[in-house]
Amino acid sequence: MAFAIAAIGLAVVFQAFSIGLNTADRVDERMNALRFAQSKLASLGHDIAIRDGLTVGDPEAGFSWVVEVTSQTVDIEGPAPSRLPELAHVVVRVSTAEGDGPPLVELRTVRPVDGS
């Protein structure tokens, strides 16, 4: 009887430990995806043009990625300045290399368009 109780206790402890490790792995994967997405944002205007459209990158570093750029208009009340910068809404989505499921990370920003 004591052995059965100890075995059940060990099973519960093992399951809790296993869940903790699985959670830590998922957090680590999301942190790596976040760093990867930030690197893609940093490459905008250099390796990735800031032009309307979708850029789908080859899987790298264990992640697949997509950069979506959409022109954004600026409405100004009153007298308009002589020249407004053209802006683009940028979304970077990073998923697992298999691309299954929702993105691990999605970052959004507004950037000046190339040539402005």
Protein backbone atom coordinates (compact mmCIF):
# COMPACT_ATOMS: atom_id res chain seq x y z
CA MET A 1 0.00 0.00 0.00
CA ALA A 2 2.80 2.41 0.91
CA PHE A 3 4.54 1.53 -2.35
CA ALA A 4 1.38 2.35 -4.34
CA ILE A 5 1.03 5.73 -2.60
CA ALA A 6 4.70 6.52 -3.24
CA ALA A 7 4.33 5.51 -6.89
CA ILE A 8 1.31 7.79 -7.33
CA GLY A 9 3.19 10.63 -5.63
CA LEU A 10 6.19 10.14 -7.92
CA ALA A 11 3.92 10.07 -10.98
CA VAL A 12 2.39 13.40 -9.96
CA VAL A 13 5.83 14.95 -9.35
CA PHE A 14 7.13 13.60 -12.68
CA GLN A 15 4.11 15.00 -14.55
CA ALA A 16 4.52 18.43 -12.93
CA PHE A 17 8.23 18.42 -13.82
CA SER A 18 7.43 17.40 -17.40
CA ILE A 19 4.84 20.18 -17.78
CA GLY A 20 7.35 22.69 -16.42
CA LEU A 21 9.99 21.62 -18.94
CA ASN A 22 7.49 21.78 -21.81
CA THR A 23 6.45 25.29 -20.76
CA ALA A 24 10.08 26.39 -20.53
CA ASP A 25 10.72 25.05 -24.05
CA ARG A 26 7.74 26.98 -25.44
CA VAL A 27 8.84 30.20 -23.72
CA ASP A 28 12.37 29.74 -25.09
CA GLU A 29 10.98 29.18 -28.60
CA ARG A 30 8.86 32.34 -28.38
CA MET A 31 11.81 34.39 -27.10
CA ASN A 32 13.95 33.17 -30.02
CA ALA A 33 11.10 33.98 -32.42
CA LEU A 34 10.86 37.48 -30.92
CA ARG A 35 14.59 38.08 -31.42
CA PHE A 36 14.30 36.76 -34.98
CA ALA A 37 11.32 39.08 -35.72
CA GLN A 38 13.24 42.03 -34.29
CA SER A 39 16.15 41.24 -36.61
CA LYS A 40 13.75 41.24 -39.58
CA LEU A 41 12.41 44.64 -38.50
CA ALA A 42 15.99 45.92 -38.24
CA SER A 43 16.69 44.78 -41.81
CA LEU A 44 13.78 46.81 -43.25
CA GLY A 45 15.13 49.30 -45.74
CA HIS A 46 18.35 47.31 -46.12
CA ASP A 47 17.74 43.64 -46.95
CA ILE A 48 13.95 44.03 -47.14
CA ALA A 49 12.51 46.91 -49.18
CA ILE A 50 9.79 49.03 -47.61
CA ARG A 51 7.31 48.74 -50.49
CA ASP A 52 3.69 47.64 -50.58
CA GLY A 53 3.33 43.90 -50.66
CA LEU A 54 4.21 40.65 -48.99
CA THR A 55 7.74 39.32 -48.57
CA VAL A 56 7.88 35.64 -47.68
CA GLY A 57 11.30 34.53 -46.58
CA ASP A 58 12.89 31.11 -46.80
CA PRO A 59 12.85 29.29 -43.47
CA GLU A 60 15.96 30.10 -41.46
CA ALA A 61 17.07 29.60 -37.87
CA GLY A 62 14.13 27.22 -37.39
CA PHE A 63 11.51 29.85 -38.29
CA SER A 64 9.46 30.85 -41.32
CA TRP A 65 8.68 34.53 -41.69
CA VAL A 66 6.51 37.01 -43.58
CA VAL A 67 6.79 40.80 -43.82
CA GLU A 68 3.66 42.65 -44.93
CA VAL A 69 3.94 46.31 -45.96
CA THR A 70 0.89 48.51 -46.60
CA SER A 71 0.95 52.21 -47.53
CA GLN A 72 -0.59 54.46 -44.94
CA THR A 73 -2.14 57.85 -45.69
CA VAL A 74 -1.86 60.73 -43.28
CA ASP A 75 -4.80 63.10 -42.87
CA ILE A 76 -3.87 66.55 -41.67
CA GLU A 77 -6.27 69.26 -40.63
CA GLY A 78 -5.34 72.83 -41.49
CA PRO A 79 -2.52 73.95 -43.75
CA ALA A 80 -0.39 71.03 -44.91
CA PRO A 81 3.38 71.21 -44.65
CA SER A 82 5.31 71.46 -47.92
CA ARG A 83 6.20 67.75 -47.88
CA LEU A 84 4.93 64.85 -45.78
CA PRO A 85 6.90 61.63 -45.55
CA GLU A 86 5.20 58.61 -47.05
CA LEU A 87 4.55 56.06 -44.34
CA ALA A 88 4.01 52.32 -44.40
CA HIS A 89 2.38 50.03 -41.89
CA VAL A 90 4.68 47.02 -41.42
CA VAL A 91 3.76 43.65 -39.90
CA VAL A 92 6.35 40.94 -39.28
CA ARG A 93 5.02 37.45 -38.53
CA VAL A 94 7.29 34.62 -37.40
CA SER A 95 6.12 31.00 -37.23
CA THR A 96 7.73 27.63 -36.77
CA ALA A 97 9.73 26.45 -39.80
CA GLU A 98 6.83 24.14 -40.70
CA GLY A 99 4.52 27.17 -40.71
CA ASP A 100 1.73 25.26 -39.00
CA GLY A 101 -0.50 27.00 -36.53
CA PRO A 102 -0.72 30.68 -35.64
CA PRO A 103 2.41 32.86 -35.67
CA LEU A 104 4.64 32.61 -32.61
CA VAL A 105 5.27 36.37 -32.81
CA GLU A 106 3.68 39.28 -34.67
CA LEU A 107 5.33 42.72 -34.54
CA ARG A 108 3.78 45.89 -35.98
CA THR A 109 5.32 49.28 -36.69
CA VAL A 110 5.10 52.32 -38.96
CA ARG A 111 8.13 53.24 -41.08
CA PRO A 112 8.95 55.82 -43.77
CA VAL A 113 8.69 54.38 -47.29
CA ASP A 114 11.83 53.95 -49.41
CA GLY A 115 12.61 57.02 -51.42
CA SER A 116 10.79 59.50 -49.17
